[in-house]
Amino acid sequence: MPIPLNEHLRLSPYFVDTDKSPGFNWERYQSRIDDTPENLFNVLVDENTSEFIKSLTQKYIQLSVQGADIARLIRDTVLADIFIGDMPQEITRRLGVDPATAREIANLIVSQLFAPVLEDIKKVHNEKYPGRLPEKFTPLEKGRPEVAEATPSAGRSLTGQAPSSTAKHYQGQDLPESGGNIIDLRNK
């Protein structure tokens, strides 16, 4: 069942804060978005990303009212405002969860949501944070879940409603337990 539009806009990394933040500079933000690789842009606007965030807030009930905060964290990571290896600390700081839960959440984001675009995220992060990512970076020790490659959507301008992307990075299934596949990118 598709996510309702108002919930998609609230949980979308692209749209979060764009209408409520005082002093939000839309032109500056859009300029940054225009410089973002197409498949990373798709992660920000895709309805599947909003559904993924909604599933996280349902799995981790303590996050039920913090979906917009998770959307901000994902946006900030995709745009390289936060280093991907610092996600667990940022989740703890921003969402107020314990470090073990923060690592589980970060692992789910990297292994499920970012899996199809991980190479592009690594490229952006290597440019902004040289030397922080190891050359042989793999998010999971035991392999990655099955995901389809993200395909770029036709246009980047959004007026009103976000375009329906063909990215298949999250397919609405229940989020699995981490099973110990927790990553800590700082020490790799």
N, C-alpha and C. Protein backbone atom coordinates (compact mmCIF):
# COMPACT_ATOMS: atom_id res chain seq x y z
N MET A 1 0.84 -1.18 0.00
CA MET A 1 0.00 0.00 0.00
C MET A 1 0.89 1.24 0.00
N PRO A 2 0.68 2.14 -0.94
CA PRO A 2 1.52 3.34 -1.02
C PRO A 2 1.36 4.22 0.23
N ILE A 3 2.41 4.89 0.54
CA ILE A 3 2.41 5.79 1.69
C ILE A 3 1.61 7.05 1.32
N PRO A 4 0.78 7.57 2.21
CA PRO A 4 0.03 8.80 1.90
C PRO A 4 0.98 9.98 1.61
N LEU A 5 0.55 10.87 0.74
CA LEU A 5 1.40 11.99 0.32
C LEU A 5 1.90 12.82 1.49
N ASN A 6 1.04 13.15 2.44
CA ASN A 6 1.48 13.99 3.55
C ASN A 6 2.55 13.28 4.39
N GLU A 7 2.44 11.96 4.53
CA GLU A 7 3.45 11.21 5.26
C GLU A 7 4.75 11.11 4.45
N HIS A 8 4.62 10.93 3.14
CA HIS A 8 5.81 10.91 2.28
C HIS A 8 6.57 12.23 2.39
N LEU A 9 5.86 13.34 2.35
CA LEU A 9 6.52 14.64 2.45
C LEU A 9 7.17 14.83 3.81
N ARG A 10 6.57 14.32 4.87
CA ARG A 10 7.11 14.45 6.22
C ARG A 10 8.35 13.58 6.41
N LEU A 11 8.39 12.41 5.74
CA LEU A 11 9.48 11.45 5.92
C LEU A 11 10.49 11.47 4.77
N SER A 12 10.29 12.29 3.78
CA SER A 12 11.20 12.35 2.63
C SER A 12 12.45 13.15 2.98
N PRO A 13 13.63 12.56 2.79
CA PRO A 13 14.86 13.33 3.03
C PRO A 13 14.95 14.59 2.16
N TYR A 14 14.32 14.58 1.02
CA TYR A 14 14.36 15.76 0.14
C TYR A 14 13.47 16.88 0.68
N PHE A 15 12.28 16.54 1.12
CA PHE A 15 11.29 17.55 1.50
C PHE A 15 11.35 17.96 2.97
N VAL A 16 11.95 17.15 3.84
CA VAL A 16 11.95 17.47 5.26
C VAL A 16 12.59 18.85 5.46
N ASP A 17 11.94 19.68 6.23
CA ASP A 17 12.40 21.03 6.59
C ASP A 17 12.21 22.08 5.51
N THR A 18 11.86 21.72 4.30
CA THR A 18 11.83 22.73 3.24
C THR A 18 10.69 23.73 3.40
N ASP A 19 9.64 23.37 4.11
CA ASP A 19 8.52 24.30 4.24
C ASP A 19 8.40 24.91 5.63
N LYS A 20 9.09 24.38 6.62
CA LYS A 20 8.89 24.84 7.99
C LYS A 20 10.09 25.54 8.60
N SER A 21 11.25 25.36 8.04
CA SER A 21 12.45 25.93 8.65
C SER A 21 12.54 27.42 8.35
N PRO A 22 12.62 28.24 9.41
CA PRO A 22 12.79 29.67 9.17
C PRO A 22 14.15 29.93 8.54
N GLY A 23 14.16 30.75 7.54
CA GLY A 23 15.41 31.09 6.86
C GLY A 23 15.92 30.03 5.92
N PHE A 24 15.10 29.03 5.59
CA PHE A 24 15.54 27.98 4.66
C PHE A 24 15.83 28.61 3.31
N ASN A 25 17.01 28.37 2.79
CA ASN A 25 17.44 28.94 1.52
C ASN A 25 17.22 27.89 0.42
N TRP A 26 16.08 27.95 -0.22
CA TRP A 26 15.70 26.97 -1.23
C TRP A 26 16.69 26.96 -2.40
N GLU A 27 17.15 28.12 -2.85
CA GLU A 27 18.05 28.20 -4.00
C GLU A 27 19.39 27.51 -3.68
N ARG A 28 19.92 27.75 -2.49
CA ARG A 28 21.18 27.11 -2.10
C ARG A 28 21.00 25.59 -2.01
N TYR A 29 19.89 25.18 -1.40
CA TYR A 29 19.60 23.76 -1.26
C TYR A 29 19.46 23.11 -2.64
N GLN A 30 18.72 23.74 -3.53
CA GLN A 30 18.51 23.19 -4.86
C GLN A 30 19.82 23.13 -5.64
N SER A 31 20.69 24.10 -5.43
CA SER A 31 22.01 24.07 -6.07
C SER A 31 22.82 22.87 -5.61
N ARG A 32 22.76 22.57 -4.32
CA ARG A 32 23.45 21.38 -3.80
C ARG A 32 22.84 20.11 -4.38
N ILE A 33 21.53 20.07 -4.47
CA ILE A 33 20.84 18.91 -5.02
C ILE A 33 21.22 18.73 -6.49
N ASP A 34 21.31 19.82 -7.23
CA ASP A 34 21.66 19.74 -8.65
C ASP A 34 23.06 19.16 -8.85
N ASP A 35 23.94 19.33 -7.87
CA ASP A 35 25.30 18.79 -7.96
C ASP A 35 25.39 17.34 -7.48
N THR A 36 24.28 16.80 -7.02
CA THR A 36 24.25 15.43 -6.48
C THR A 36 24.05 14.45 -7.63
N PRO A 37 24.78 13.33 -7.63
CA PRO A 37 24.55 12.31 -8.67
C PRO A 37 23.08 11.88 -8.70
N GLU A 38 22.61 11.57 -9.87
CA GLU A 38 21.20 11.26 -10.10
C GLU A 38 20.67 10.14 -9.19
N ASN A 39 21.42 9.07 -9.03
CA ASN A 39 20.89 7.98 -8.21
C ASN A 39 20.88 8.34 -6.73
N LEU A 40 21.75 9.22 -6.27
CA LEU A 40 21.66 9.70 -4.89
C LEU A 40 20.47 10.63 -4.71
N PHE A 41 20.21 11.44 -5.72
CA PHE A 41 19.02 12.28 -5.71
C PHE A 41 17.77 11.40 -5.59
N ASN A 42 17.77 10.29 -6.31
CA ASN A 42 16.61 9.38 -6.26
C ASN A 42 16.38 8.84 -4.85
N VAL A 43 17.44 8.55 -4.12
CA VAL A 43 17.29 8.09 -2.73
C VAL A 43 16.57 9.16 -1.90
N LEU A 44 16.90 10.42 -2.15
CA LEU A 44 16.31 11.51 -1.38
C LEU A 44 14.82 11.68 -1.65
N VAL A 45 14.38 11.45 -2.89
CA VAL A 45 12.99 11.75 -3.24
C VAL A 45 12.09 10.52 -3.35
N ASP A 46 12.68 9.36 -3.42
CA ASP A 46 11.91 8.14 -3.67
C ASP A 46 10.93 7.84 -2.55
N GLU A 47 9.74 7.48 -2.92
CA GLU A 47 8.71 7.09 -1.96
C GLU A 47 9.16 5.87 -1.15
N ASN A 48 9.96 5.01 -1.74
CA ASN A 48 10.47 3.83 -1.02
C ASN A 48 11.35 4.25 0.16
N THR A 49 12.04 5.37 0.05
CA THR A 49 12.85 5.85 1.17
C THR A 49 11.94 6.26 2.32
N SER A 50 10.85 6.95 2.01
CA SER A 50 9.89 7.32 3.05
C SER A 50 9.28 6.08 3.69
N GLU A 51 8.99 5.07 2.89
CA GLU A 51 8.45 3.82 3.43
C GLU A 51 9.49 3.12 4.31
N PHE A 52 10.74 3.16 3.91
CA PHE A 52 11.81 2.58 4.71
C PHE A 52 11.88 3.27 6.08
N ILE A 53 11.84 4.59 6.07
CA ILE A 53 11.89 5.36 7.32
C ILE A 53 10.68 5.03 8.18
N LYS A 54 9.53 4.92 7.56
CA LYS A 54 8.32 4.55 8.32
C LYS A 54 8.49 3.17 8.96
N SER A 55 9.07 2.23 8.24
CA SER A 55 9.30 0.90 8.79
C SER A 55 10.28 0.94 9.95
N LEU A 56 11.31 1.77 9.84
CA LEU A 56 12.25 1.92 10.95
C LEU A 56 11.53 2.44 12.20
N THR A 57 10.64 3.42 12.02
CA THR A 57 9.94 3.98 13.18
C THR A 57 8.94 2.99 13.76
N GLN A 58 8.49 2.05 12.95
CA GLN A 58 7.60 1.02 13.47
C GLN A 58 8.39 -0.08 14.18
N LYS A 59 9.55 -0.41 13.64
CA LYS A 59 10.40 -1.45 14.26
C LYS A 59 10.97 -0.97 15.57
N TYR A 60 11.47 0.24 15.59
CA TYR A 60 12.06 0.83 16.79
C TYR A 60 11.05 1.84 17.33
N ILE A 61 10.14 1.36 18.15
CA ILE A 61 9.00 2.15 18.60
C ILE A 61 9.42 3.46 19.27
N GLN A 62 10.61 3.47 19.90
CA GLN A 62 11.08 4.71 20.53
C GLN A 62 11.33 5.81 19.49
N LEU A 63 11.37 5.45 18.21
CA LEU A 63 11.58 6.43 17.14
C LEU A 63 10.28 6.86 16.48
N SER A 64 9.15 6.42 17.01
CA SER A 64 7.87 6.61 16.32
C SER A 64 7.58 8.07 15.97
N VAL A 65 8.04 9.00 16.75
CA VAL A 65 7.79 10.41 16.44
C VAL A 65 9.01 11.09 15.84
N GLN A 66 10.05 10.33 15.51
CA GLN A 66 11.29 10.92 15.03
C GLN A 66 11.59 10.59 13.58
N GLY A 67 10.59 10.26 12.81
CA GLY A 67 10.80 9.94 11.40
C GLY A 67 11.46 11.07 10.64
N ALA A 68 11.05 12.30 10.91
CA ALA A 68 11.65 13.44 10.22
C ALA A 68 13.13 13.58 10.58
N ASP A 69 13.49 13.24 11.82
CA ASP A 69 14.90 13.30 12.22
C ASP A 69 15.73 12.25 11.47
N ILE A 70 15.15 11.08 11.25
CA ILE A 70 15.84 10.05 10.47
C ILE A 70 15.99 10.51 9.03
N ALA A 71 14.95 11.14 8.49
CA ALA A 71 15.02 11.66 7.12
C ALA A 71 16.13 12.70 7.00
N ARG A 72 16.27 13.57 7.99
CA ARG A 72 17.34 14.57 7.99
C ARG A 72 18.71 13.89 8.02
N LEU A 73 18.85 12.87 8.85
CA LEU A 73 20.11 12.14 8.95
C LEU A 73 20.48 11.50 7.62
N ILE A 74 19.51 10.88 6.97
CA ILE A 74 19.76 10.25 5.66
C ILE A 74 20.14 11.32 4.64
N ARG A 75 19.41 12.42 4.62
CA ARG A 75 19.74 13.52 3.69
C ARG A 75 21.15 14.03 3.95
N ASP A 76 21.47 14.27 5.21
CA ASP A 76 22.78 14.81 5.54
C ASP A 76 23.91 13.83 5.18
N THR A 77 23.64 12.54 5.28
CA THR A 77 24.65 11.54 4.91
C THR A 77 24.80 11.49 3.40
N VAL A 78 23.69 11.48 2.66
CA VAL A 78 23.76 11.44 1.20
C VAL A 78 24.47 12.68 0.66
N LEU A 79 24.21 13.83 1.26
CA LEU A 79 24.84 15.07 0.80
C LEU A 79 26.23 15.28 1.41
N ALA A 80 26.70 14.31 2.19
CA ALA A 80 28.03 14.31 2.80
C ALA A 80 28.21 15.43 3.83
N ASP A 81 27.13 15.84 4.46
CA ASP A 81 27.24 16.76 5.59
C ASP A 81 27.62 15.97 6.85
N ILE A 82 27.32 14.68 6.84
CA ILE A 82 27.71 13.76 7.90
C ILE A 82 28.48 12.63 7.24
N PHE A 83 29.61 12.28 7.80
CA PHE A 83 30.39 11.16 7.28
C PHE A 83 29.64 9.87 7.58
N ILE A 84 29.58 8.98 6.61
CA ILE A 84 28.82 7.74 6.74
C ILE A 84 29.25 6.92 7.96
N GLY A 85 30.51 6.95 8.30
CA GLY A 85 31.01 6.22 9.46
C GLY A 85 30.61 6.85 10.79
N ASP A 86 30.15 8.09 10.76
CA ASP A 86 29.71 8.77 11.98
C ASP A 86 28.21 8.62 12.22
N MET A 87 27.53 7.87 11.37
CA MET A 87 26.08 7.73 11.53
C MET A 87 25.67 7.19 12.90
N PRO A 88 26.31 6.14 13.43
CA PRO A 88 25.86 5.66 14.74
C PRO A 88 25.92 6.73 15.83
N GLN A 89 27.00 7.50 15.86
CA GLN A 89 27.11 8.57 16.86
C GLN A 89 26.05 9.64 16.64
N GLU A 90 25.81 9.99 15.38
CA GLU A 90 24.80 10.99 15.08
C GLU A 90 23.40 10.49 15.44
N ILE A 91 23.14 9.22 15.21
CA ILE A 91 21.84 8.66 15.58
C ILE A 91 21.67 8.72 17.09
N THR A 92 22.71 8.35 17.83
CA THR A 92 22.64 8.44 19.29
C THR A 92 22.40 9.87 19.72
N ARG A 93 23.15 10.80 19.15
CA ARG A 93 23.04 12.21 19.54
C ARG A 93 21.68 12.81 19.15
N ARG A 94 21.26 12.58 17.92
CA ARG A 94 20.03 13.21 17.42
C ARG A 94 18.76 12.54 17.91
N LEU A 95 18.80 11.22 18.02
CA LEU A 95 17.57 10.49 18.34
C LEU A 95 17.50 10.03 19.79
N GLY A 96 18.62 10.12 20.50
CA GLY A 96 18.61 9.77 21.90
C GLY A 96 18.49 8.27 22.18
N VAL A 97 18.97 7.44 21.26
CA VAL A 97 18.94 6.00 21.47
C VAL A 97 20.32 5.53 21.94
N ASP A 98 20.36 4.34 22.54
CA ASP A 98 21.62 3.82 23.02
C ASP A 98 22.54 3.47 21.84
N PRO A 99 23.85 3.41 22.07
CA PRO A 99 24.79 3.16 20.98
C PRO A 99 24.57 1.84 20.24
N ALA A 100 24.15 0.79 20.92
CA ALA A 100 23.91 -0.49 20.24
C ALA A 100 22.75 -0.38 19.27
N THR A 101 21.68 0.26 19.71
CA THR A 101 20.53 0.47 18.82
C THR A 101 20.91 1.38 17.67
N ALA A 102 21.70 2.40 17.95
CA ALA A 102 22.14 3.33 16.89
C ALA A 102 22.94 2.58 15.83
N ARG A 103 23.82 1.65 16.26
CA ARG A 103 24.59 0.87 15.29
C ARG A 103 23.67 -0.03 14.46
N GLU A 104 22.66 -0.62 15.09
CA GLU A 104 21.69 -1.45 14.35
C GLU A 104 20.98 -0.62 13.28
N ILE A 105 20.53 0.56 13.67
CA ILE A 105 19.80 1.43 12.74
C ILE A 105 20.72 1.86 11.61
N ALA A 106 21.94 2.27 11.93
CA ALA A 106 22.90 2.67 10.89
C ALA A 106 23.18 1.50 9.95
N ASN A 107 23.32 0.32 10.49
CA ASN A 107 23.57 -0.86 9.67
C ASN A 107 22.40 -1.12 8.72
N LEU A 108 21.19 -0.99 9.21
CA LEU A 108 20.02 -1.18 8.34
C LEU A 108 19.98 -0.14 7.23
N ILE A 109 20.29 1.10 7.56
CA ILE A 109 20.28 2.16 6.55
C ILE A 109 21.33 1.86 5.47
N VAL A 110 22.54 1.50 5.90
CA VAL A 110 23.61 1.24 4.93
C VAL A 110 23.33 -0.02 4.13
N SER A 111 22.92 -1.10 4.81
CA SER A 111 22.78 -2.38 4.12
C SER A 111 21.52 -2.49 3.29
N GLN A 112 20.49 -1.74 3.62
CA GLN A 112 19.25 -1.85 2.84
C GLN A 112 18.98 -0.62 1.98
N LEU A 113 19.01 0.54 2.58
CA LEU A 113 18.67 1.75 1.82
C LEU A 113 19.81 2.20 0.91
N PHE A 114 21.04 2.19 1.41
CA PHE A 114 22.18 2.69 0.65
C PHE A 114 22.84 1.64 -0.23
N ALA A 115 22.48 0.38 -0.09
CA ALA A 115 23.16 -0.69 -0.83
C ALA A 115 23.30 -0.42 -2.32
N PRO A 116 22.23 -0.04 -3.03
CA PRO A 116 22.39 0.16 -4.48
C PRO A 116 23.20 1.40 -4.86
N VAL A 117 23.37 2.33 -3.93
CA VAL A 117 24.08 3.57 -4.25
C VAL A 117 25.35 3.74 -3.41
N LEU A 118 25.78 2.68 -2.77
CA LEU A 118 26.90 2.77 -1.85
C LEU A 118 28.18 3.25 -2.53
N GLU A 119 28.42 2.81 -3.76
CA GLU A 119 29.62 3.26 -4.47
C GLU A 119 29.60 4.77 -4.69
N ASP A 120 28.45 5.31 -5.03
CA ASP A 120 28.36 6.76 -5.24
C ASP A 120 28.50 7.52 -3.91
N ILE A 121 27.92 6.97 -2.85
CA ILE A 121 28.08 7.60 -1.53
C ILE A 121 29.56 7.58 -1.14
N LYS A 122 30.23 6.45 -1.36
CA LYS A 122 31.66 6.36 -1.04
C LYS A 122 32.45 7.39 -1.84
N LYS A 123 32.11 7.57 -3.11
CA LYS A 123 32.83 8.53 -3.95
C LYS A 123 32.67 9.95 -3.41
N VAL A 124 31.44 10.32 -3.07
CA VAL A 124 31.17 11.66 -2.53
C VAL A 124 31.89 11.84 -1.20
N HIS A 125 31.85 10.82 -0.36
CA HIS A 125 32.48 10.92 0.95
C HIS A 125 34.01 10.90 0.86
N ASN A 126 34.57 10.18 -0.09
CA ASN A 126 36.01 10.20 -0.29
C ASN A 126 36.49 11.57 -0.74
N GLU A 127 35.66 12.27 -1.51
CA GLU A 127 36.02 13.62 -1.95
C GLU A 127 35.97 14.59 -0.78
N LYS A 128 34.94 14.49 0.05
CA LYS A 128 34.78 15.44 1.16
C LYS A 128 35.61 15.05 2.38
N TYR A 129 35.77 13.77 2.62
CA TYR A 129 36.50 13.26 3.78
C TYR A 129 37.64 12.36 3.32
N PRO A 130 38.65 12.91 2.66
CA PRO A 130 39.72 12.06 2.12
C PRO A 130 40.42 11.26 3.21
N GLY A 131 40.63 9.99 2.91
CA GLY A 131 41.35 9.12 3.82
C GLY A 131 40.53 8.51 4.94
N ARG A 132 39.28 8.89 5.10
CA ARG A 132 38.49 8.34 6.20
C ARG A 132 37.86 6.99 5.85
N LEU A 133 37.57 6.75 4.58
CA LEU A 133 37.01 5.45 4.18
C LEU A 133 38.14 4.53 3.78
N PRO A 134 38.10 3.29 4.23
CA PRO A 134 39.12 2.34 3.79
C PRO A 134 38.93 2.02 2.31
N GLU A 135 40.00 1.59 1.66
CA GLU A 135 39.89 1.26 0.24
C GLU A 135 38.96 0.09 0.00
N LYS A 136 38.98 -0.90 0.87
CA LYS A 136 38.11 -2.06 0.72
C LYS A 136 36.98 -1.98 1.72
N PHE A 137 36.06 -1.07 1.48
CA PHE A 137 34.92 -0.85 2.36
C PHE A 137 33.79 -1.79 1.97
N THR A 138 33.35 -2.61 2.91
CA THR A 138 32.15 -3.43 2.71
C THR A 138 31.28 -3.27 3.94
N PRO A 139 30.00 -2.97 3.74
CA PRO A 139 29.14 -2.67 4.87
C PRO A 139 28.81 -3.87 5.74
N LEU A 140 28.84 -5.07 5.20
CA LEU A 140 28.46 -6.25 5.97
C LEU A 140 29.51 -7.33 5.85
N GLU A 141 29.76 -7.99 6.92
CA GLU A 141 30.72 -9.07 6.91
C GLU A 141 30.16 -10.30 6.19
N LYS A 142 28.88 -10.55 6.33
CA LYS A 142 28.29 -11.77 5.81
C LYS A 142 27.55 -11.58 4.49
N GLY A 143 27.74 -10.48 3.81
CA GLY A 143 27.08 -10.27 2.53
C GLY A 143 25.99 -9.23 2.63
N ARG A 144 25.39 -8.94 1.50
CA ARG A 144 24.37 -7.91 1.43
C ARG A 144 23.03 -8.53 1.07
N PRO A 145 21.93 -7.92 1.51
CA PRO A 145 20.63 -8.43 1.14
C PRO A 145 20.38 -8.22 -0.35
N GLU A 146 19.49 -8.99 -0.89
CA GLU A 146 19.14 -8.86 -2.30
C GLU A 146 18.44 -7.53 -2.55
N VAL A 147 18.98 -6.74 -3.43
CA VAL A 147 18.36 -5.49 -3.84
C VAL A 147 18.56 -5.32 -5.32
N ALA A 148 17.64 -4.63 -5.95
CA ALA A 148 17.77 -4.33 -7.37
C ALA A 148 18.51 -3.01 -7.52
N GLU A 149 19.21 -2.84 -8.61
CA GLU A 149 19.93 -1.60 -8.86
C GLU A 149 18.95 -0.45 -9.01
N ALA A 150 19.34 0.69 -8.49
CA ALA A 150 18.52 1.89 -8.65
C ALA A 150 18.71 2.40 -10.07
N THR A 151 17.64 2.84 -10.66
CA THR A 151 17.72 3.44 -11.99
C THR A 151 17.27 4.88 -11.88
N PRO A 152 17.94 5.77 -12.58
CA PRO A 152 17.62 7.19 -12.45
C PRO A 152 16.23 7.51 -12.97
N SER A 153 15.60 8.47 -12.32
CA SER A 153 14.31 8.94 -12.81
C SER A 153 14.55 9.96 -13.92
N ALA A 154 13.51 10.28 -14.64
CA ALA A 154 13.65 11.13 -15.81
C ALA A 154 14.05 12.56 -15.47
N GLY A 155 13.45 13.17 -14.44
CA GLY A 155 13.74 14.57 -14.19
C GLY A 155 14.12 14.83 -12.76
N ARG A 156 14.73 16.00 -12.55
CA ARG A 156 15.18 16.34 -11.22
C ARG A 156 14.36 17.45 -10.61
N SER A 157 13.59 18.16 -11.38
CA SER A 157 12.83 19.25 -10.78
C SER A 157 11.56 18.69 -10.18
N LEU A 158 11.27 19.16 -9.00
CA LEU A 158 10.09 18.69 -8.30
C LEU A 158 9.15 19.85 -8.10
N THR A 159 7.98 19.72 -8.60
CA THR A 159 6.96 20.72 -8.38
C THR A 159 5.74 20.00 -7.83
N GLY A 160 5.40 20.31 -6.62
CA GLY A 160 4.26 19.63 -6.00
C GLY A 160 4.64 18.28 -5.47
N GLN A 161 4.45 17.25 -6.26
CA GLN A 161 4.65 15.88 -5.82
C GLN A 161 5.93 15.30 -6.41
N ALA A 162 6.61 14.49 -5.62
CA ALA A 162 7.84 13.86 -6.08
C ALA A 162 7.52 12.84 -7.16
N PRO A 163 8.40 12.71 -8.17
CA PRO A 163 8.16 11.71 -9.20
C PRO A 163 8.31 10.32 -8.63
N SER A 164 7.62 9.39 -9.21
CA SER A 164 7.74 8.00 -8.78
C SER A 164 9.00 7.44 -9.40
N SER A 165 9.95 7.09 -8.58
CA SER A 165 11.23 6.58 -9.05
C SER A 165 11.14 5.07 -9.24
N THR A 166 12.03 4.56 -10.05
CA THR A 166 12.05 3.12 -10.27
C THR A 166 13.08 2.44 -9.39
N ALA A 167 13.68 3.18 -8.45
CA ALA A 167 14.66 2.57 -7.56
C ALA A 167 14.00 1.50 -6.71
N LYS A 168 14.71 0.42 -6.51
CA LYS A 168 14.17 -0.70 -5.75
C LYS A 168 15.00 -0.96 -4.50
N HIS A 169 15.56 0.10 -3.91
CA HIS A 169 16.43 -0.10 -2.78
C HIS A 169 15.71 -0.61 -1.55
N TYR A 170 14.44 -0.36 -1.42
CA TYR A 170 13.68 -0.89 -0.30
C TYR A 170 12.35 -1.33 -0.85
N GLN A 171 11.94 -2.53 -0.53
CA GLN A 171 10.76 -3.08 -1.17
C GLN A 171 9.60 -3.32 -0.22
N GLY A 172 9.63 -2.68 0.94
CA GLY A 172 8.51 -2.74 1.84
C GLY A 172 8.49 -3.95 2.76
N GLN A 173 9.49 -4.80 2.70
CA GLN A 173 9.50 -5.95 3.58
C GLN A 173 9.83 -5.51 4.99
N ASP A 174 9.52 -6.36 5.96
CA ASP A 174 9.86 -6.06 7.34
C ASP A 174 11.38 -5.99 7.46
N LEU A 175 11.83 -5.14 8.32
CA LEU A 175 13.25 -5.00 8.54
C LEU A 175 13.73 -6.16 9.40
N PRO A 176 14.78 -6.85 8.97
CA PRO A 176 15.26 -7.99 9.76
C PRO A 176 16.05 -7.51 10.96
N GLU A 177 16.19 -8.40 11.93
CA GLU A 177 17.09 -8.12 13.05
C GLU A 177 18.49 -8.03 12.47
N SER A 178 19.37 -7.34 13.14
CA SER A 178 20.70 -7.12 12.57
C SER A 178 21.53 -8.39 12.54
N GLY A 179 21.29 -9.31 13.44
CA GLY A 179 22.06 -10.56 13.45
C GLY A 179 23.54 -10.36 13.63
N GLY A 180 23.94 -9.26 14.24
CA GLY A 180 25.35 -9.03 14.48
C GLY A 180 26.07 -8.38 13.32
N ASN A 181 25.39 -8.03 12.26
CA ASN A 181 26.03 -7.41 11.10
C ASN A 181 26.08 -5.90 11.31
N ILE A 182 26.75 -5.48 12.34
CA ILE A 182 26.85 -4.07 12.67
C ILE A 182 28.19 -3.55 12.17
N ILE A 183 28.17 -2.37 11.59
CA ILE A 183 29.39 -1.82 11.04
C ILE A 183 29.87 -0.64 11.87
N ASP A 184 31.13 -0.46 11.93
CA ASP A 184 31.74 0.71 12.53
C ASP A 184 32.80 1.17 11.54
N LEU A 185 32.46 2.17 10.76
CA LEU A 185 33.33 2.61 9.68
C LEU A 185 34.51 3.44 10.16
N ARG A 186 34.45 3.90 11.40
CA ARG A 186 35.54 4.75 11.89
C ARG A 186 36.84 3.99 12.04
N ASN A 187 36.79 2.73 12.40
CA ASN A 187 38.00 1.99 12.72
C ASN A 187 38.46 1.08 11.59
N LYS A 188 37.94 1.21 10.42
CA LYS A 188 38.32 0.33 9.29
C LYS A 188 39.49 0.90 8.55
